[in-house]
Amino acid sequence: MNPPLYDPLSPEQPQHLRADLRRELITRRQALTDRERRDAELAERLLQVLDALEPETLGAYCATRGEFDPLPTLAKWRAAHPECTLALPRVQEATKAMTFIAWAPGEPLQPGPYGIAEPTGQAALSPTTLLVPCVGFADVGLRLGYGGGYYDRYLAGREEVYTVGLSYACCELHQLDMQPHDQLMDLVLTEDGLYGLDALSLTLVD
């Protein structure tokens, strides 16, 4: 298999083409027939990455539209690492801002403006490590999201936050144009490997 091609200077794709690409990738991951196996493999890799990173404050997300759900894995990991504080995002539809709220496994969640579950607490904090859902990704760590820009805006100026994108191997893109607002992931993790600029610095046990 030829390695994916990535050209950061490729012409920008028109927005309607990016929207078509998002729909195709969401359909592709929702149609996975061996989801249980893939999720188990991705969960195991995520546990190994967390053991290597040892985050103090870990931001995650509530899964939607066929995304990998990290919360069961985080509940398992935090049981062995109670010193780590978990946080989940809350969005403000009017301002397009995203805030992370402290959360612990078992605490209640409620629907947010887009129907995605959000924490009900009030304690805002700043994660040192952030798990980011990816609709698609290029192997250098470039992420394709849903187009709302919430994560790109949140991460702008927060270079100290270590970012780990989560996706499925079927959503790897051979080419994706990098737009001015895009924030590269330090790592992108799928069920079959690591991608991104830091991928070679971590060795996981298969």
N, C-alpha and C. Protein backbone atom coordinates (compact mmCIF):
# COMPACT_ATOMS: atom_id res chain seq x y z
N MET A 1 0.85 -1.20 0.00
CA MET A 1 0.00 0.00 0.00
C MET A 1 0.88 1.24 0.00
N ASN A 2 0.58 2.16 -0.87
CA ASN A 2 1.34 3.40 -0.92
C ASN A 2 1.01 4.27 0.27
N PRO A 3 2.00 4.98 0.82
CA PRO A 3 1.71 5.87 1.96
C PRO A 3 0.84 7.03 1.50
N PRO A 4 0.02 7.56 2.42
CA PRO A 4 -0.83 8.69 2.05
C PRO A 4 0.02 9.87 1.60
N LEU A 5 -0.51 10.65 0.67
CA LEU A 5 0.16 11.83 0.19
C LEU A 5 -0.42 13.04 0.89
N TYR A 6 0.45 13.96 1.29
CA TYR A 6 -0.02 15.17 1.94
C TYR A 6 0.73 16.36 1.38
N ASP A 7 0.01 17.31 0.86
CA ASP A 7 0.59 18.51 0.28
C ASP A 7 -0.01 19.72 0.97
N PRO A 8 0.70 20.33 1.94
CA PRO A 8 0.13 21.45 2.67
C PRO A 8 -0.07 22.69 1.81
N LEU A 9 0.47 22.69 0.60
CA LEU A 9 0.32 23.84 -0.28
C LEU A 9 -0.73 23.60 -1.36
N SER A 10 -1.48 22.50 -1.24
CA SER A 10 -2.51 22.25 -2.23
C SER A 10 -3.59 23.32 -2.18
N PRO A 11 -4.27 23.62 -3.29
CA PRO A 11 -5.31 24.65 -3.28
C PRO A 11 -6.39 24.31 -2.27
N GLU A 12 -6.94 25.33 -1.63
CA GLU A 12 -8.01 25.11 -0.69
C GLU A 12 -9.20 24.47 -1.37
N GLN A 13 -9.77 23.46 -0.69
CA GLN A 13 -10.99 22.88 -1.21
C GLN A 13 -12.16 23.83 -0.95
N PRO A 14 -13.06 24.01 -1.91
CA PRO A 14 -14.26 24.79 -1.63
C PRO A 14 -15.02 24.18 -0.46
N GLN A 15 -15.72 25.03 0.31
CA GLN A 15 -16.37 24.55 1.52
C GLN A 15 -17.40 23.47 1.23
N HIS A 16 -18.08 23.54 0.07
CA HIS A 16 -19.08 22.51 -0.20
C HIS A 16 -18.43 21.16 -0.42
N LEU A 17 -17.18 21.15 -0.94
CA LEU A 17 -16.48 19.88 -1.11
C LEU A 17 -16.05 19.32 0.24
N ARG A 18 -15.63 20.19 1.16
CA ARG A 18 -15.29 19.73 2.50
C ARG A 18 -16.52 19.18 3.22
N ALA A 19 -17.67 19.80 2.99
CA ALA A 19 -18.92 19.30 3.59
C ALA A 19 -19.26 17.92 3.04
N ASP A 20 -19.07 17.74 1.73
CA ASP A 20 -19.31 16.43 1.13
C ASP A 20 -18.36 15.39 1.71
N LEU A 21 -17.11 15.78 1.92
CA LEU A 21 -16.12 14.87 2.47
C LEU A 21 -16.50 14.47 3.89
N ARG A 22 -16.94 15.43 4.70
CA ARG A 22 -17.38 15.11 6.06
C ARG A 22 -18.51 14.08 6.05
N ARG A 23 -19.49 14.32 5.19
CA ARG A 23 -20.62 13.39 5.13
C ARG A 23 -20.16 11.99 4.73
N GLU A 24 -19.25 11.92 3.78
CA GLU A 24 -18.75 10.62 3.34
C GLU A 24 -18.03 9.89 4.47
N LEU A 25 -17.19 10.61 5.22
CA LEU A 25 -16.42 9.98 6.29
C LEU A 25 -17.32 9.57 7.44
N ILE A 26 -18.31 10.38 7.79
CA ILE A 26 -19.24 10.02 8.86
C ILE A 26 -20.02 8.76 8.48
N THR A 27 -20.47 8.71 7.23
CA THR A 27 -21.17 7.52 6.76
C THR A 27 -20.27 6.30 6.81
N ARG A 28 -19.00 6.49 6.45
CA ARG A 28 -18.04 5.38 6.42
C ARG A 28 -17.83 4.81 7.83
N ARG A 29 -17.66 5.66 8.81
CA ARG A 29 -17.41 5.14 10.17
C ARG A 29 -18.68 4.57 10.79
N GLN A 30 -19.85 5.14 10.46
CA GLN A 30 -21.09 4.58 10.98
C GLN A 30 -21.40 3.21 10.40
N ALA A 31 -20.83 2.91 9.23
CA ALA A 31 -21.09 1.64 8.55
C ALA A 31 -20.10 0.54 8.94
N LEU A 32 -19.14 0.83 9.83
CA LEU A 32 -18.17 -0.19 10.22
C LEU A 32 -18.89 -1.41 10.80
N THR A 33 -18.56 -2.59 10.29
CA THR A 33 -19.25 -3.80 10.74
C THR A 33 -18.56 -4.48 11.91
N ASP A 34 -17.27 -4.18 12.12
CA ASP A 34 -16.52 -4.81 13.21
C ASP A 34 -16.18 -3.77 14.27
N ARG A 35 -17.16 -2.94 14.61
CA ARG A 35 -16.94 -1.82 15.54
C ARG A 35 -16.43 -2.30 16.90
N GLU A 36 -16.96 -3.39 17.41
CA GLU A 36 -16.57 -3.83 18.75
C GLU A 36 -15.07 -4.13 18.81
N ARG A 37 -14.56 -4.82 17.79
CA ARG A 37 -13.12 -5.12 17.76
C ARG A 37 -12.31 -3.84 17.62
N ARG A 38 -12.70 -2.97 16.71
CA ARG A 38 -11.96 -1.74 16.49
C ARG A 38 -11.94 -0.87 17.76
N ASP A 39 -13.09 -0.77 18.41
CA ASP A 39 -13.16 0.03 19.63
C ASP A 39 -12.26 -0.54 20.72
N ALA A 40 -12.23 -1.87 20.83
CA ALA A 40 -11.38 -2.50 21.84
C ALA A 40 -9.90 -2.21 21.56
N GLU A 41 -9.50 -2.28 20.30
CA GLU A 41 -8.11 -2.01 19.94
C GLU A 41 -7.76 -0.54 20.16
N LEU A 42 -8.67 0.35 19.80
CA LEU A 42 -8.42 1.78 20.00
C LEU A 42 -8.38 2.11 21.48
N ALA A 43 -9.25 1.50 22.25
CA ALA A 43 -9.25 1.73 23.70
C ALA A 43 -7.94 1.29 24.32
N GLU A 44 -7.41 0.16 23.88
CA GLU A 44 -6.15 -0.33 24.42
C GLU A 44 -5.00 0.61 24.07
N ARG A 45 -4.98 1.12 22.86
CA ARG A 45 -3.94 2.08 22.48
C ARG A 45 -4.08 3.38 23.27
N LEU A 46 -5.31 3.80 23.49
CA LEU A 46 -5.52 5.02 24.27
C LEU A 46 -5.01 4.85 25.70
N LEU A 47 -5.26 3.72 26.31
CA LEU A 47 -4.76 3.47 27.66
C LEU A 47 -3.23 3.54 27.68
N GLN A 48 -2.58 2.98 26.68
CA GLN A 48 -1.12 3.00 26.63
C GLN A 48 -0.60 4.42 26.45
N VAL A 49 -1.27 5.21 25.61
CA VAL A 49 -0.85 6.59 25.41
C VAL A 49 -1.02 7.39 26.70
N LEU A 50 -2.13 7.20 27.40
CA LEU A 50 -2.34 7.91 28.66
C LEU A 50 -1.30 7.51 29.70
N ASP A 51 -0.95 6.24 29.75
CA ASP A 51 0.10 5.81 30.67
C ASP A 51 1.42 6.51 30.35
N ALA A 52 1.69 6.72 29.05
CA ALA A 52 2.94 7.38 28.65
C ALA A 52 2.89 8.88 28.94
N LEU A 53 1.74 9.51 28.75
CA LEU A 53 1.64 10.96 28.92
C LEU A 53 1.44 11.38 30.37
N GLU A 54 0.76 10.56 31.16
CA GLU A 54 0.47 10.86 32.57
C GLU A 54 -0.13 12.26 32.73
N PRO A 55 -1.27 12.53 32.11
CA PRO A 55 -1.86 13.87 32.20
C PRO A 55 -2.36 14.20 33.59
N GLU A 56 -2.24 15.48 33.97
CA GLU A 56 -2.78 15.94 35.25
C GLU A 56 -4.25 16.34 35.12
N THR A 57 -4.57 16.98 34.00
CA THR A 57 -5.94 17.38 33.71
C THR A 57 -6.23 16.97 32.28
N LEU A 58 -7.21 16.11 32.11
CA LEU A 58 -7.46 15.50 30.81
C LEU A 58 -8.84 15.90 30.29
N GLY A 59 -8.86 16.60 29.17
CA GLY A 59 -10.11 16.95 28.51
C GLY A 59 -10.50 15.87 27.52
N ALA A 60 -11.79 15.56 27.46
CA ALA A 60 -12.28 14.54 26.55
C ALA A 60 -13.52 15.08 25.85
N TYR A 61 -14.39 14.19 25.38
CA TYR A 61 -15.59 14.61 24.66
C TYR A 61 -16.65 13.53 24.79
N CYS A 62 -17.89 13.90 24.56
CA CYS A 62 -18.99 12.96 24.51
C CYS A 62 -19.25 12.60 23.05
N ALA A 63 -19.21 11.33 22.74
CA ALA A 63 -19.24 10.88 21.34
C ALA A 63 -20.60 11.11 20.71
N THR A 64 -20.57 11.35 19.40
CA THR A 64 -21.78 11.54 18.60
C THR A 64 -21.51 11.07 17.18
N ARG A 65 -22.53 10.67 16.47
CA ARG A 65 -22.48 10.38 15.04
C ARG A 65 -21.38 9.37 14.67
N GLY A 66 -21.29 8.32 15.46
CA GLY A 66 -20.36 7.24 15.15
C GLY A 66 -18.95 7.45 15.62
N GLU A 67 -18.67 8.49 16.41
CA GLU A 67 -17.33 8.71 16.95
C GLU A 67 -16.96 7.60 17.94
N PHE A 68 -15.68 7.37 18.10
CA PHE A 68 -15.20 6.50 19.17
C PHE A 68 -15.55 7.16 20.50
N ASP A 69 -16.14 6.39 21.41
CA ASP A 69 -16.53 6.89 22.72
C ASP A 69 -15.39 6.65 23.71
N PRO A 70 -14.70 7.71 24.15
CA PRO A 70 -13.56 7.51 25.05
C PRO A 70 -13.95 7.36 26.52
N LEU A 71 -15.19 7.67 26.90
CA LEU A 71 -15.53 7.75 28.32
C LEU A 71 -15.42 6.43 29.06
N PRO A 72 -15.84 5.28 28.52
CA PRO A 72 -15.61 4.03 29.24
C PRO A 72 -14.12 3.75 29.50
N THR A 73 -13.29 4.07 28.52
CA THR A 73 -11.84 3.87 28.68
C THR A 73 -11.29 4.82 29.75
N LEU A 74 -11.78 6.06 29.77
CA LEU A 74 -11.31 7.02 30.76
C LEU A 74 -11.76 6.65 32.16
N ALA A 75 -12.94 6.07 32.29
CA ALA A 75 -13.40 5.62 33.60
C ALA A 75 -12.46 4.53 34.13
N LYS A 76 -12.06 3.62 33.26
CA LYS A 76 -11.12 2.56 33.65
C LYS A 76 -9.76 3.13 34.02
N TRP A 77 -9.28 4.08 33.21
CA TRP A 77 -7.95 4.64 33.46
C TRP A 77 -7.94 5.48 34.73
N ARG A 78 -8.97 6.28 34.94
CA ARG A 78 -8.98 7.15 36.10
C ARG A 78 -9.12 6.36 37.41
N ALA A 79 -9.74 5.19 37.35
CA ALA A 79 -9.83 4.36 38.56
C ALA A 79 -8.44 4.00 39.07
N ALA A 80 -7.48 3.90 38.14
CA ALA A 80 -6.10 3.61 38.53
C ALA A 80 -5.27 4.87 38.69
N HIS A 81 -5.82 6.03 38.32
CA HIS A 81 -5.10 7.30 38.40
C HIS A 81 -6.02 8.38 38.96
N PRO A 82 -6.43 8.25 40.19
CA PRO A 82 -7.40 9.21 40.75
C PRO A 82 -6.86 10.62 40.86
N GLU A 83 -5.56 10.81 40.72
CA GLU A 83 -4.98 12.14 40.79
C GLU A 83 -5.28 12.96 39.54
N CYS A 84 -5.74 12.32 38.48
CA CYS A 84 -6.04 13.02 37.23
C CYS A 84 -7.47 13.55 37.27
N THR A 85 -7.62 14.82 36.90
CA THR A 85 -8.94 15.44 36.80
C THR A 85 -9.43 15.37 35.36
N LEU A 86 -10.65 14.89 35.18
CA LEU A 86 -11.24 14.82 33.85
C LEU A 86 -12.13 16.04 33.62
N ALA A 87 -12.29 16.40 32.34
CA ALA A 87 -13.14 17.53 31.98
C ALA A 87 -13.80 17.25 30.63
N LEU A 88 -15.01 17.77 30.46
CA LEU A 88 -15.75 17.64 29.22
C LEU A 88 -16.18 19.02 28.73
N PRO A 89 -16.36 19.17 27.42
CA PRO A 89 -16.66 20.51 26.89
C PRO A 89 -18.13 20.91 27.04
N ARG A 90 -18.29 22.21 27.18
CA ARG A 90 -19.60 22.85 27.11
C ARG A 90 -19.48 23.99 26.11
N VAL A 91 -20.43 24.07 25.18
CA VAL A 91 -20.35 25.09 24.14
C VAL A 91 -21.42 26.15 24.34
N GLN A 92 -21.07 27.36 23.93
CA GLN A 92 -22.02 28.47 23.91
C GLN A 92 -22.37 28.76 22.45
N GLU A 93 -23.59 28.44 22.08
CA GLU A 93 -23.98 28.58 20.68
C GLU A 93 -23.90 30.03 20.22
N ALA A 94 -24.24 30.97 21.10
CA ALA A 94 -24.28 32.38 20.70
C ALA A 94 -22.88 32.92 20.41
N THR A 95 -21.90 32.54 21.25
CA THR A 95 -20.55 33.08 21.10
C THR A 95 -19.61 32.12 20.37
N LYS A 96 -20.05 30.89 20.13
CA LYS A 96 -19.23 29.87 19.47
C LYS A 96 -17.99 29.53 20.31
N ALA A 97 -18.10 29.71 21.63
CA ALA A 97 -16.98 29.42 22.53
C ALA A 97 -17.18 28.06 23.18
N MET A 98 -16.08 27.45 23.58
CA MET A 98 -16.09 26.15 24.24
C MET A 98 -15.33 26.26 25.55
N THR A 99 -15.94 25.75 26.63
CA THR A 99 -15.32 25.75 27.95
C THR A 99 -15.29 24.32 28.47
N PHE A 100 -14.23 23.96 29.17
CA PHE A 100 -14.14 22.62 29.73
C PHE A 100 -14.54 22.65 31.21
N ILE A 101 -15.42 21.71 31.58
CA ILE A 101 -16.00 21.63 32.91
C ILE A 101 -15.55 20.33 33.56
N ALA A 102 -15.12 20.42 34.81
CA ALA A 102 -14.68 19.23 35.54
C ALA A 102 -15.81 18.20 35.58
N TRP A 103 -15.45 16.94 35.40
CA TRP A 103 -16.43 15.85 35.35
C TRP A 103 -15.76 14.58 35.83
N ALA A 104 -16.53 13.73 36.50
CA ALA A 104 -16.04 12.43 36.95
C ALA A 104 -17.00 11.36 36.46
N PRO A 105 -16.50 10.15 36.15
CA PRO A 105 -17.38 9.07 35.69
C PRO A 105 -18.54 8.85 36.66
N GLY A 106 -19.73 8.76 36.09
CA GLY A 106 -20.92 8.58 36.89
C GLY A 106 -21.70 9.86 37.14
N GLU A 107 -21.05 11.00 36.97
CA GLU A 107 -21.75 12.27 37.15
C GLU A 107 -22.70 12.52 35.97
N PRO A 108 -23.79 13.26 36.20
CA PRO A 108 -24.81 13.42 35.15
C PRO A 108 -24.33 14.25 33.97
N LEU A 109 -24.96 14.01 32.85
CA LEU A 109 -24.75 14.77 31.63
C LEU A 109 -26.11 15.23 31.12
N GLN A 110 -26.10 16.31 30.34
CA GLN A 110 -27.34 16.82 29.79
C GLN A 110 -27.12 17.22 28.34
N PRO A 111 -28.18 17.24 27.51
CA PRO A 111 -28.01 17.62 26.11
C PRO A 111 -27.58 19.08 25.96
N GLY A 112 -26.61 19.32 25.06
CA GLY A 112 -26.18 20.67 24.77
C GLY A 112 -26.92 21.24 23.58
N PRO A 113 -26.49 22.41 23.08
CA PRO A 113 -27.19 23.09 21.98
C PRO A 113 -27.29 22.24 20.70
N TYR A 114 -26.32 21.35 20.47
CA TYR A 114 -26.34 20.55 19.26
C TYR A 114 -26.75 19.10 19.53
N GLY A 115 -27.33 18.86 20.70
CA GLY A 115 -27.76 17.52 21.05
C GLY A 115 -26.65 16.63 21.59
N ILE A 116 -25.45 17.16 21.75
CA ILE A 116 -24.32 16.41 22.29
C ILE A 116 -24.32 16.57 23.81
N ALA A 117 -24.10 15.47 24.53
CA ALA A 117 -24.13 15.51 25.99
C ALA A 117 -23.04 16.43 26.53
N GLU A 118 -23.38 17.15 27.60
CA GLU A 118 -22.45 18.07 28.26
C GLU A 118 -22.54 17.88 29.77
N PRO A 119 -21.47 18.23 30.50
CA PRO A 119 -21.50 18.13 31.97
C PRO A 119 -22.44 19.17 32.56
N THR A 120 -22.94 18.87 33.75
CA THR A 120 -23.88 19.78 34.42
C THR A 120 -23.20 20.64 35.48
N GLY A 121 -21.93 20.39 35.76
CA GLY A 121 -21.23 21.14 36.81
C GLY A 121 -20.90 22.55 36.40
N GLN A 122 -20.19 23.25 37.29
CA GLN A 122 -19.85 24.66 37.06
C GLN A 122 -18.35 24.94 37.14
N ALA A 123 -17.55 23.96 37.52
CA ALA A 123 -16.12 24.19 37.72
C ALA A 123 -15.37 24.14 36.39
N ALA A 124 -15.04 25.31 35.85
CA ALA A 124 -14.28 25.38 34.61
C ALA A 124 -12.79 25.19 34.88
N LEU A 125 -12.12 24.54 33.96
CA LEU A 125 -10.67 24.33 34.10
C LEU A 125 -10.04 24.24 32.73
N SER A 126 -8.71 24.20 32.71
CA SER A 126 -7.95 24.16 31.46
C SER A 126 -7.18 22.85 31.37
N PRO A 127 -7.61 21.93 30.51
CA PRO A 127 -6.89 20.66 30.38
C PRO A 127 -5.45 20.85 29.92
N THR A 128 -4.57 20.02 30.46
CA THR A 128 -3.19 19.99 29.98
C THR A 128 -3.03 19.04 28.81
N THR A 129 -3.91 18.05 28.73
CA THR A 129 -3.97 17.10 27.62
C THR A 129 -5.41 17.05 27.14
N LEU A 130 -5.61 17.00 25.83
CA LEU A 130 -6.96 17.08 25.28
C LEU A 130 -7.16 16.00 24.22
N LEU A 131 -8.20 15.18 24.43
CA LEU A 131 -8.62 14.22 23.42
C LEU A 131 -9.60 14.92 22.48
N VAL A 132 -9.34 14.83 21.17
CA VAL A 132 -10.11 15.59 20.19
C VAL A 132 -10.71 14.63 19.16
N PRO A 133 -12.02 14.67 18.95
CA PRO A 133 -12.62 13.80 17.93
C PRO A 133 -12.28 14.30 16.53
N CYS A 134 -11.99 13.37 15.63
CA CYS A 134 -11.64 13.71 14.25
C CYS A 134 -12.64 13.06 13.30
N VAL A 135 -13.24 13.85 12.42
CA VAL A 135 -14.02 13.27 11.34
C VAL A 135 -13.07 12.58 10.36
N GLY A 136 -11.97 13.24 10.06
CA GLY A 136 -10.93 12.68 9.22
C GLY A 136 -9.59 13.27 9.63
N PHE A 137 -8.50 12.72 9.08
CA PHE A 137 -7.18 13.21 9.46
C PHE A 137 -6.17 12.87 8.38
N ALA A 138 -5.11 13.68 8.29
CA ALA A 138 -3.95 13.37 7.46
C ALA A 138 -2.82 12.94 8.39
N ASP A 139 -1.88 12.18 7.85
CA ASP A 139 -0.92 11.49 8.70
C ASP A 139 0.02 12.42 9.46
N VAL A 140 0.12 13.68 9.07
CA VAL A 140 0.97 14.61 9.81
C VAL A 140 0.29 15.16 11.06
N GLY A 141 -0.97 14.79 11.27
CA GLY A 141 -1.70 15.29 12.43
C GLY A 141 -2.72 16.36 12.11
N LEU A 142 -2.95 16.61 10.82
CA LEU A 142 -3.96 17.59 10.43
C LEU A 142 -5.33 16.96 10.57
N ARG A 143 -6.24 17.68 11.22
CA ARG A 143 -7.56 17.16 11.56
C ARG A 143 -8.63 17.81 10.71
N LEU A 144 -9.60 17.00 10.29
CA LEU A 144 -10.83 17.51 9.69
C LEU A 144 -11.94 17.34 10.71
N GLY A 145 -12.54 18.46 11.12
CA GLY A 145 -13.63 18.41 12.08
C GLY A 145 -14.97 18.60 11.40
N TYR A 146 -15.95 19.05 12.16
CA TYR A 146 -17.30 19.22 11.62
C TYR A 146 -17.50 20.57 10.94
N GLY A 147 -16.53 21.46 11.04
CA GLY A 147 -16.64 22.73 10.36
C GLY A 147 -17.05 23.89 11.24
N GLY A 148 -17.37 23.62 12.51
CA GLY A 148 -17.78 24.69 13.41
C GLY A 148 -16.62 25.48 13.99
N GLY A 149 -15.42 24.90 13.97
CA GLY A 149 -14.23 25.61 14.43
C GLY A 149 -14.07 25.70 15.94
N TYR A 150 -14.86 24.97 16.71
CA TYR A 150 -14.79 25.08 18.17
C TYR A 150 -13.42 24.70 18.71
N TYR A 151 -12.89 23.58 18.26
CA TYR A 151 -11.59 23.13 18.77
C TYR A 151 -10.47 24.02 18.27
N ASP A 152 -10.53 24.44 17.02
CA ASP A 152 -9.48 25.33 16.50
C ASP A 152 -9.45 26.64 17.27
N ARG A 153 -10.61 27.20 17.56
CA ARG A 153 -10.64 28.44 18.34
C ARG A 153 -10.14 28.22 19.76
N TYR A 154 -10.54 27.10 20.36
CA TYR A 154 -10.11 26.85 21.73
C TYR A 154 -8.59 26.68 21.81
N LEU A 155 -8.02 25.99 20.84
CA LEU A 155 -6.59 25.68 20.89
C LEU A 155 -5.70 26.82 20.40
N ALA A 156 -6.27 27.80 19.73
CA ALA A 156 -5.47 28.93 19.25
C ALA A 156 -4.84 29.66 20.43
N GLY A 157 -3.52 29.76 20.44
CA GLY A 157 -2.81 30.41 21.53
C GLY A 157 -2.59 29.53 22.74
N ARG A 158 -2.99 28.26 22.67
CA ARG A 158 -2.79 27.32 23.79
C ARG A 158 -1.81 26.23 23.37
N GLU A 159 -0.61 26.64 22.98
CA GLU A 159 0.38 25.67 22.52
C GLU A 159 0.79 24.69 23.60
N GLU A 160 0.55 25.03 24.87
CA GLU A 160 0.94 24.15 25.96
C GLU A 160 0.04 22.93 26.10
N VAL A 161 -1.13 22.95 25.45
CA VAL A 161 -2.06 21.83 25.54
C VAL A 161 -1.61 20.71 24.59
N TYR A 162 -1.46 19.51 25.12
CA TYR A 162 -1.04 18.36 24.31
C TYR A 162 -2.30 17.72 23.72
N THR A 163 -2.37 17.64 22.40
CA THR A 163 -3.59 17.20 21.73
C THR A 163 -3.44 15.80 21.15
N VAL A 164 -4.46 14.98 21.40
CA VAL A 164 -4.51 13.61 20.88
C VAL A 164 -5.82 13.46 20.11
N GLY A 165 -5.74 13.42 18.79
CA GLY A 165 -6.92 13.19 17.98
C GLY A 165 -7.29 11.72 18.00
N LEU A 166 -8.59 11.43 18.00
CA LEU A 166 -9.08 10.05 17.97
C LEU A 166 -9.94 9.86 16.73
N SER A 167 -9.65 8.80 15.98
CA SER A 167 -10.38 8.52 14.76
C SER A 167 -10.28 7.04 14.45
N TYR A 168 -10.86 6.66 13.33
CA TYR A 168 -10.73 5.29 12.83
C TYR A 168 -9.85 5.29 11.59
N ALA A 169 -9.17 4.16 11.36
CA ALA A 169 -8.25 4.08 10.23
C ALA A 169 -8.93 4.35 8.90
N CYS A 170 -10.21 4.01 8.78
CA CYS A 170 -10.92 4.21 7.52
C CYS A 170 -11.12 5.68 7.20
N CYS A 171 -10.84 6.56 8.14
CA CYS A 171 -11.05 8.00 7.93
C CYS A 171 -9.74 8.74 7.68
N GLU A 172 -8.68 8.00 7.41
CA GLU A 172 -7.42 8.65 7.04
C GLU A 172 -7.54 9.22 5.63
N LEU A 173 -7.08 10.45 5.46
CA LEU A 173 -7.16 11.14 4.17
C LEU A 173 -5.79 11.19 3.52
N HIS A 174 -5.72 10.91 2.24
CA HIS A 174 -4.45 10.95 1.52
C HIS A 174 -4.00 12.38 1.26
N GLN A 175 -4.94 13.31 1.25
CA GLN A 175 -4.58 14.71 1.06
C GLN A 175 -5.64 15.58 1.73
N LEU A 176 -5.19 16.58 2.44
CA LEU A 176 -6.09 17.51 3.12
C LEU A 176 -5.40 18.86 3.17
N ASP A 177 -6.03 19.87 2.63
CA ASP A 177 -5.42 21.19 2.64
C ASP A 177 -5.42 21.77 4.04
N MET A 178 -4.37 22.46 4.40
CA MET A 178 -4.26 23.09 5.71
C MET A 178 -4.70 24.54 5.60
N GLN A 179 -5.74 24.89 6.33
CA GLN A 179 -6.24 26.26 6.32
C GLN A 179 -5.61 27.06 7.46
N PRO A 180 -5.62 28.39 7.37
CA PRO A 180 -4.90 29.21 8.35
C PRO A 180 -5.29 28.97 9.80
N HIS A 181 -6.55 28.61 10.05
CA HIS A 181 -7.01 28.43 11.43
C HIS A 181 -6.76 27.03 11.96
N ASP A 182 -6.34 26.09 11.12
CA ASP A 182 -6.20 24.69 11.54
C ASP A 182 -5.12 24.52 12.60
N GLN A 183 -5.41 23.71 13.59
CA GLN A 183 -4.45 23.38 14.65
C GLN A 183 -4.02 21.93 14.49
N LEU A 184 -2.73 21.69 14.30
CA LEU A 184 -2.22 20.33 14.17
C LEU A 184 -2.33 19.59 15.49
N MET A 185 -2.69 18.31 15.42
CA MET A 185 -2.67 17.45 16.59
C MET A 185 -1.24 16.98 16.86
N ASP A 186 -0.88 16.87 18.14
CA ASP A 186 0.42 16.28 18.46
C ASP A 186 0.44 14.80 18.09
N LEU A 187 -0.68 14.13 18.32
CA LEU A 187 -0.85 12.73 17.94
C LEU A 187 -2.24 12.55 17.37
N VAL A 188 -2.38 11.60 16.46
CA VAL A 188 -3.69 11.08 16.08
C VAL A 188 -3.64 9.58 16.30
N LEU A 189 -4.63 9.07 17.00
CA LEU A 189 -4.66 7.67 17.41
C LEU A 189 -5.83 6.97 16.75
N THR A 190 -5.54 5.85 16.09
CA THR A 190 -6.60 5.00 15.53
C THR A 190 -6.42 3.59 16.06
N GLU A 191 -7.31 2.70 15.62
CA GLU A 191 -7.22 1.32 16.10
C GLU A 191 -6.00 0.59 15.56
N ASP A 192 -5.35 1.15 14.53
CA ASP A 192 -4.21 0.43 13.96
C ASP A 192 -2.89 1.18 14.06
N GLY A 193 -2.84 2.32 14.75
CA GLY A 193 -1.54 2.97 14.88
C GLY A 193 -1.61 4.41 15.34
N LEU A 194 -0.41 5.02 15.35
CA LEU A 194 -0.25 6.41 15.74
C LEU A 194 0.16 7.24 14.54
N TYR A 195 -0.32 8.47 14.48
CA TYR A 195 0.03 9.40 13.42
C TYR A 195 0.34 10.74 14.07
N GLY A 196 0.85 11.68 13.28
CA GLY A 196 1.16 12.99 13.81
C GLY A 196 2.63 13.17 14.07
N LEU A 197 3.01 14.40 14.43
CA LEU A 197 4.41 14.75 14.56
C LEU A 197 5.11 14.01 15.70
N ASP A 198 4.37 13.59 16.72
CA ASP A 198 4.97 12.89 17.85
C ASP A 198 4.84 11.39 17.76
N ALA A 199 4.34 10.87 16.65
CA ALA A 199 4.05 9.44 16.55
C ALA A 199 5.30 8.58 16.76
N LEU A 200 6.45 9.05 16.28
CA LEU A 200 7.65 8.24 16.39
C LEU A 200 8.26 8.26 17.78
N SER A 201 7.80 9.18 18.63
CA SER A 201 8.39 9.28 19.97
C SER A 201 7.73 8.35 20.98
N LEU A 202 6.63 7.71 20.60
CA LEU A 202 5.94 6.78 21.49
C LEU A 202 5.99 5.38 20.89
N THR A 203 6.30 4.41 21.71
CA THR A 203 6.31 3.02 21.28
C THR A 203 5.26 2.27 22.07
N LEU A 204 4.26 1.74 21.37
CA LEU A 204 3.20 1.01 22.03
C LEU A 204 3.37 -0.49 21.79
N VAL A 205 2.87 -1.27 22.72
CA VAL A 205 2.97 -2.73 22.62
C VAL A 205 1.73 -3.24 21.91
N ASP A 206 1.92 -3.94 20.78
CA ASP A 206 0.77 -4.50 20.05
C ASP A 206 0.33 -5.81 20.71
